[in-house]
């Protein structure tokens, strides 16, 4: 039963989905699940905006080339840059499912957005996605001049699993002396795969789009071993030390199982002396950020992210 917290437009979407009666993601194999998610997002993502130039290309990696999509606004450089990792539980979604979001951020921020097509699970288990993401940020930093990007204004960001990868890449870059990252944008990030025992998990376990059962399905596909959940590179909330990380913008949704762990990560960052801004969008569900075609709050969150990227180095 749906409680009284979701906004009316959210309730309408949830009720329509329930009436449609399609199979739950966690009951499907990864292939059919991917197609189901593509179809669902396409219907509510909104219209893609015009942007100066969009280029798909491959960048080298030891395992296999990584596909990226570069969104460049019609503006004189050097520009800020956001390296973006799509959500989808490390199992579903791709560059196309988040094309509308990336175009909107690039246009509003006046920034280059580089979207990364990292390897998906279960074909490629943890830490394959992390390795791809880190290789992508290294490539962007090394090729900043070619991308008309200011190397001092490179940010990472993503939603859900992509928020997890963004946080993890910041940790990895700090730990390994990697590229300087100016900002981490974490939209309802997964920060703790070791435990799904929070008040928001209990309150929104089912009936609010993303469910606990779906998260268990994602985790089961992503991790090769149960103990991998204890790694800070899978569960950044478990990192013993968060000092020295880039400033963070953390966005959460009120009616989302992941709400509490995202906000807990923002608090831990602040306690470690990291500048952290955390915004909870009232009445929203996971994945409202990608559903700007039906939710005005999704469009507002995109504006907030774009403003943060635009102001880098100001």
Protein backbone atom coordinates (compact mmCIF):
# COMPACT_ATOMS: atom_id res chain seq x y z
CA UNK A 1 0.00 0.00 0.00
CA UNK A 2 1.30 3.45 -0.93
CA UNK A 3 1.57 5.85 2.00
CA UNK A 4 0.71 9.54 1.95
CA UNK A 5 4.23 10.90 1.44
CA UNK A 6 4.66 10.77 -2.36
CA UNK A 7 3.65 13.89 -4.25
CA UNK A 8 0.44 13.54 -6.32
CA UNK A 9 2.26 13.11 -9.64
CA UNK A 10 4.44 10.41 -8.05
CA UNK A 11 1.39 8.62 -6.68
CA UNK A 12 -0.19 8.73 -10.14
CA UNK A 13 2.87 7.09 -11.70
CA UNK A 14 3.07 4.42 -8.98
CA UNK A 15 -0.62 3.59 -9.34
CA UNK A 16 -0.32 3.41 -13.13
CA UNK A 17 2.65 1.06 -12.84
CA UNK A 18 0.77 -1.13 -10.38
CA UNK A 19 -2.27 -1.24 -12.66
CA UNK A 20 -0.11 -2.18 -15.65
CA UNK A 21 0.94 -5.29 -13.76
CA UNK A 22 4.26 -5.90 -15.49
CA UNK A 23 6.78 -8.37 -14.03
CA UNK A 24 9.06 -7.16 -11.24
CA UNK A 25 12.66 -6.62 -12.36
CA UNK A 26 13.98 -9.12 -9.83
CA UNK A 27 11.90 -11.88 -11.46
CA UNK A 28 13.62 -11.39 -14.84
CA UNK A 29 16.93 -12.44 -16.31
CA UNK A 30 19.32 -9.52 -16.95
CA UNK A 31 18.60 -9.35 -20.70
CA UNK A 32 14.82 -8.95 -20.45
CA UNK A 33 15.27 -6.69 -17.43
CA UNK A 34 17.46 -4.35 -19.46
CA UNK A 35 14.87 -4.06 -22.20
CA UNK A 36 12.04 -3.51 -19.70
CA UNK A 37 13.94 -0.65 -18.05
CA UNK A 38 14.80 0.95 -21.40
CA UNK A 39 11.13 0.89 -22.39
CA UNK A 40 9.99 2.28 -19.02
CA UNK A 41 12.48 5.17 -18.96
CA UNK A 42 11.86 6.12 -22.59
CA UNK A 43 8.22 6.79 -21.79
CA UNK A 44 8.91 9.28 -18.98
CA UNK A 45 12.41 10.70 -19.50
CA UNK A 46 11.32 13.70 -21.54
CA UNK A 47 12.57 15.08 -24.84
CA UNK A 48 16.31 15.26 -25.59
CA UNK A 49 17.58 18.81 -25.86
CA UNK A 50 19.78 20.14 -28.62
CA UNK A 51 23.43 20.46 -27.65
CA UNK A 52 26.34 21.76 -29.67
CA UNK A 53 27.96 18.41 -30.48
CA UNK A 54 27.53 14.78 -29.41
CA UNK A 55 30.26 12.26 -30.16
CA UNK A 56 30.51 8.56 -29.38
CA UNK A 57 34.01 7.16 -29.19
CA UNK A 58 36.07 4.34 -27.69
CA UNK A 59 38.89 4.86 -25.22
CA UNK A 60 41.58 2.27 -24.52
CA UNK A 61 41.51 -0.05 -21.52
CA UNK A 62 43.48 -3.16 -20.63
CA UNK A 63 40.34 -5.35 -20.50
CA UNK A 64 38.44 -3.93 -23.47
CA UNK A 65 37.84 -0.50 -25.03
CA UNK A 66 35.34 1.63 -23.10
CA UNK A 67 32.60 3.43 -24.99
CA UNK A 68 31.95 7.01 -23.97
CA UNK A 69 29.62 9.72 -25.21
CA UNK A 70 30.88 13.29 -25.19
CA UNK A 71 28.38 16.17 -24.97
CA UNK A 72 29.99 19.50 -25.86
CA UNK A 73 27.99 22.74 -25.71
CA UNK A 74 28.44 25.46 -28.30
CA UNK A 75 30.71 27.55 -26.09
CA UNK A 76 34.31 28.68 -26.01
CA UNK A 77 36.59 26.65 -23.77
CA UNK A 78 38.19 25.70 -21.57
CA UNK A 79 34.98 24.42 -19.95
CA UNK A 80 34.12 22.57 -16.77
CA UNK A 81 33.51 18.85 -17.21
CA UNK A 82 31.27 16.26 -15.59
CA UNK A 83 32.21 12.60 -16.08
CA UNK A 84 28.85 10.89 -15.69
CA UNK A 85 28.03 7.31 -14.65
CA UNK A 86 24.48 6.13 -15.26
CA UNK A 87 22.41 4.32 -12.67
CA UNK A 88 20.79 0.92 -13.06
CA UNK A 89 22.14 -1.25 -10.26
CA UNK A 90 25.31 -2.06 -12.25
CA UNK A 91 23.05 -4.39 -14.31
CA UNK A 92 20.66 -2.31 -16.44
CA UNK A 93 20.68 1.06 -18.29
CA UNK A 94 23.23 2.48 -20.69
CA UNK A 95 24.26 5.67 -22.47
CA UNK A 96 20.88 5.94 -24.20
CA UNK A 97 18.76 5.68 -21.06
CA UNK A 98 20.55 8.71 -19.60
CA UNK A 99 20.98 10.71 -22.81
CA UNK A 100 18.24 13.19 -21.86
CA UNK A 101 19.84 13.82 -18.45
CA UNK A 102 23.34 14.30 -19.85
CA UNK A 103 22.18 16.67 -22.58
CA UNK A 104 20.26 18.75 -20.05
CA UNK A 105 23.21 19.03 -17.67
CA UNK A 106 25.66 19.92 -20.45
CA UNK A 107 23.39 22.61 -21.85
CA UNK A 108 22.48 24.17 -18.52
CA UNK A 109 25.96 23.98 -17.03
CA UNK A 110 27.79 25.11 -20.15
CA UNK A 111 30.00 22.11 -19.50
CA UNK A 112 31.35 19.10 -21.32
CA UNK A 113 29.64 15.93 -20.09
CA UNK A 114 31.41 12.63 -20.69
CA UNK A 115 29.05 9.68 -20.14
CA UNK A 116 30.73 6.32 -19.52
CA UNK A 117 29.43 2.97 -20.76
CA UNK A 118 31.08 0.88 -18.03
CA UNK A 119 30.86 -2.91 -18.01
CA UNK A 120 27.64 -4.33 -16.57
CA UNK A 121 26.96 -7.24 -14.25
CA UNK A 122 26.53 -10.16 -14.04
CA UNK A 123 28.71 -10.61 -17.11
CA UNK A 124 31.38 -8.49 -15.44
CA UNK A 125 31.41 -8.56 -11.65
CA UNK A 126 32.79 -6.04 -9.16
CA UNK A 127 35.23 -4.33 -9.50
CA UNK A 128 34.98 -4.20 -13.34
CA UNK A 129 32.70 -1.14 -13.32
CA UNK A 130 35.01 0.63 -10.88
CA UNK A 131 38.03 -0.11 -13.06
CA UNK A 132 36.25 1.23 -16.15
CA UNK A 133 35.15 4.36 -14.34
CA UNK A 134 38.62 5.07 -13.05
CA UNK A 135 40.13 4.51 -16.49
CA UNK A 136 37.62 7.00 -17.89
CA UNK A 137 38.49 9.74 -15.40
CA UNK A 138 42.20 9.18 -16.10
CA UNK A 139 41.54 9.47 -19.84
CA UNK A 140 39.52 12.68 -19.47
CA UNK A 141 42.21 14.28 -17.31
CA UNK A 142 44.93 13.27 -19.79
CA UNK A 143 42.92 14.56 -22.77
CA UNK A 144 41.48 17.71 -21.22
CA UNK A 145 42.98 20.02 -23.83
CA UNK A 146 41.51 18.00 -26.71
CA UNK A 147 38.10 18.06 -24.99
CA UNK A 148 38.38 21.86 -24.41
CA UNK A 149 38.11 21.06 -20.70
CA UNK A 150 39.78 22.93 -17.84
CA UNK A 151 41.68 20.17 -15.99
CA UNK A 152 41.13 22.01 -12.70
CA UNK A 153 37.34 21.77 -13.14
CA UNK A 154 36.69 18.07 -13.71
CA UNK A 155 33.85 16.58 -11.67
CA UNK A 156 32.41 13.09 -11.41
CA UNK A 157 28.74 12.32 -10.92
CA UNK A 158 26.01 9.79 -11.32
CA UNK A 159 22.72 8.48 -10.04
CA UNK A 160 22.14 5.40 -7.88
CA UNK A 161 24.79 2.83 -8.90
CA UNK A 162 26.41 5.68 -10.83
CA UNK A 163 26.49 7.72 -7.62
CA UNK A 164 28.18 4.77 -5.95
CA UNK A 165 30.80 4.62 -8.71
CA UNK A 166 31.38 8.36 -8.45
CA UNK A 167 32.02 8.18 -4.71
CA UNK A 168 34.24 5.13 -5.13
CA UNK A 169 36.29 6.72 -7.92
CA UNK A 170 36.94 9.71 -5.66
CA UNK A 171 38.20 7.34 -2.97
CA UNK A 172 40.34 5.41 -5.45
CA UNK A 173 41.79 8.57 -6.97
CA UNK A 174 42.70 9.88 -3.51
CA UNK A 175 44.19 6.54 -2.44
CA UNK A 176 46.24 6.06 -5.63
CA UNK A 177 47.27 9.65 -6.30
CA UNK A 178 45.08 9.82 -9.38
CA UNK A 179 43.50 12.76 -11.20
CA UNK A 180 42.36 15.77 -9.20
CA UNK A 181 38.55 15.77 -8.96
CA UNK A 182 36.90 19.09 -8.22
CA UNK A 183 33.42 17.86 -7.24
CA UNK A 184 31.47 14.65 -6.70
CA UNK A 185 27.77 14.69 -7.57
CA UNK A 186 25.98 11.81 -5.87
CA UNK A 187 22.31 11.44 -6.80
CA UNK A 188 20.59 8.97 -4.43
CA UNK A 189 23.82 6.97 -4.28
CA UNK A 190 24.20 3.38 -3.10
CA UNK A 191 26.75 3.71 -0.31
CA UNK A 192 26.35 0.49 1.70
CA UNK A 193 25.87 -2.90 0.06
CA UNK A 194 26.71 -4.69 3.31
CA UNK A 195 23.41 -3.82 5.03
CA UNK A 196 19.91 -2.92 3.90
CA UNK A 197 18.75 -2.18 7.45
CA UNK A 198 17.85 1.51 7.63
CA UNK A 199 14.56 3.24 8.43
CA UNK A 200 14.14 4.23 4.76
CA UNK A 201 14.73 0.64 3.65
CA UNK A 202 12.08 -0.55 6.08
CA UNK A 203 9.53 2.14 5.22
CA UNK A 204 9.93 2.00 1.43
CA UNK A 205 10.79 -1.68 0.97
CA UNK A 206 8.07 -2.11 -1.64
CA UNK A 207 5.54 -0.08 -3.57
CA UNK A 208 7.75 2.95 -4.27
CA UNK A 209 9.38 1.98 -7.60
CA UNK A 210 12.78 0.79 -6.30
CA UNK A 211 12.25 -2.08 -3.87
CA UNK A 212 14.39 -3.94 -1.38
CA UNK A 213 13.96 -7.13 -3.41
CA UNK A 214 15.23 -5.33 -6.50
CA UNK A 215 18.26 -4.06 -4.61
CA UNK A 216 19.02 -7.59 -3.42
CA UNK A 217 18.81 -8.73 -7.06
CA UNK A 218 21.22 -5.99 -8.13
CA UNK A 219 23.65 -6.77 -5.33
CA UNK A 220 23.56 -10.48 -6.13
CA UNK A 221 24.48 -9.80 -9.75
CA UNK A 222 27.14 -7.17 -8.99
CA UNK A 223 29.17 -8.88 -6.29
CA UNK A 224 31.01 -12.13 -6.88
CA UNK A 225 31.34 -12.82 -3.14
CA UNK A 226 29.32 -11.72 -0.12
CA UNK A 227 32.44 -10.35 1.54
CA UNK A 228 32.97 -7.93 -1.37
CA UNK A 229 30.22 -5.80 0.17
CA UNK A 230 32.66 -4.88 2.95
CA UNK A 231 35.08 -3.24 0.51
CA UNK A 232 34.98 0.57 0.55
CA UNK A 233 35.15 0.36 -3.24
CA UNK A 234 31.74 -1.36 -3.16
CA UNK A 235 30.37 0.34 -0.02
CA UNK A 236 32.00 3.78 0.35
CA UNK A 237 30.10 4.41 3.59
CA UNK A 238 32.33 1.73 5.15
CA UNK A 239 35.56 3.53 4.23
CA UNK A 240 37.46 4.16 7.48
CA UNK A 241 38.67 7.62 6.43
CA UNK A 242 36.88 10.12 4.18
CA UNK A 243 39.35 12.96 4.63
CA UNK A 244 40.83 14.61 1.57
CA UNK A 245 37.94 13.86 -0.76
CA UNK A 246 36.43 16.37 -3.21
CA UNK A 247 33.47 18.56 -2.22
CA UNK A 248 30.18 16.75 -2.63
CA UNK A 249 26.65 17.49 -3.74
CA UNK A 250 24.39 14.71 -2.47
CA UNK A 251 20.78 14.50 -3.64
CA UNK A 252 18.27 12.12 -2.08
CA UNK A 253 14.58 11.34 -2.53
CA UNK A 254 12.26 11.20 0.47
CA UNK A 255 10.46 7.99 -0.57
CA UNK A 256 13.51 5.96 -1.55
CA UNK A 257 15.06 2.96 0.23
CA UNK A 258 18.49 4.50 -0.46
CA UNK A 259 17.67 7.82 1.22
CA UNK A 260 19.27 7.18 4.59
CA UNK A 261 22.56 5.76 3.35
CA UNK A 262 23.03 8.67 0.97
CA UNK A 263 22.41 11.17 3.74
CA UNK A 264 24.65 9.19 6.11
CA UNK A 265 27.47 9.45 3.58
CA UNK A 266 26.98 13.22 3.32
CA UNK A 267 27.19 13.49 7.11
CA UNK A 268 30.37 11.40 7.25
CA UNK A 269 31.95 13.55 4.56
CA UNK A 270 31.13 16.70 6.53
CA UNK A 271 32.49 15.14 9.73
CA UNK A 272 35.72 14.40 7.85
CA UNK A 273 36.06 18.08 6.91
CA UNK A 274 34.79 17.68 3.34
CA UNK A 275 32.44 20.35 2.05
CA UNK A 276 29.15 18.51 1.55
CA UNK A 277 25.75 19.82 0.49
CA UNK A 278 22.84 17.42 0.92
CA UNK A 279 19.38 18.08 -0.54
CA UNK A 280 16.40 15.82 0.10
CA UNK A 281 13.63 16.16 -2.48
CA UNK A 282 10.36 15.83 -0.62
CA UNK A 283 7.71 13.48 -1.98
CA UNK A 284 10.05 12.01 -4.62
CA UNK A 285 10.96 8.43 -5.43
CA UNK A 286 13.92 6.67 -6.94
CA UNK A 287 14.61 7.40 -9.86
CA UNK A 288 12.97 10.84 -10.11
CA UNK A 289 16.17 12.44 -11.44
CA UNK A 290 15.79 10.49 -14.69
CA UNK A 291 12.05 11.10 -15.00
CA UNK A 292 12.04 14.77 -15.89
CA UNK A 293 9.37 14.14 -18.48
CA UNK A 294 6.79 13.72 -15.72
CA UNK A 295 8.35 15.17 -12.55
CA UNK A 296 9.13 18.87 -12.23
CA UNK A 297 11.32 17.99 -9.23
CA UNK A 298 13.47 15.90 -11.54
CA UNK A 299 14.02 18.92 -13.74
CA UNK A 300 14.79 21.03 -10.67
CA UNK A 301 17.39 18.52 -9.49
CA UNK A 302 19.05 18.63 -12.91
CA UNK A 303 19.20 22.42 -12.61
CA UNK A 304 20.82 22.05 -9.18
CA UNK A 305 23.47 19.69 -10.55
CA UNK A 306 24.10 21.95 -13.54
CA UNK A 307 24.54 24.98 -11.27
CA UNK A 308 27.09 23.10 -9.14
CA UNK A 309 29.09 22.07 -12.20
CA UNK A 310 28.83 25.51 -13.78
CA UNK A 311 30.20 27.16 -10.63
CA UNK A 312 33.33 24.98 -10.45
CA UNK A 313 36.33 27.23 -9.95
CA UNK A 314 34.20 30.36 -9.55
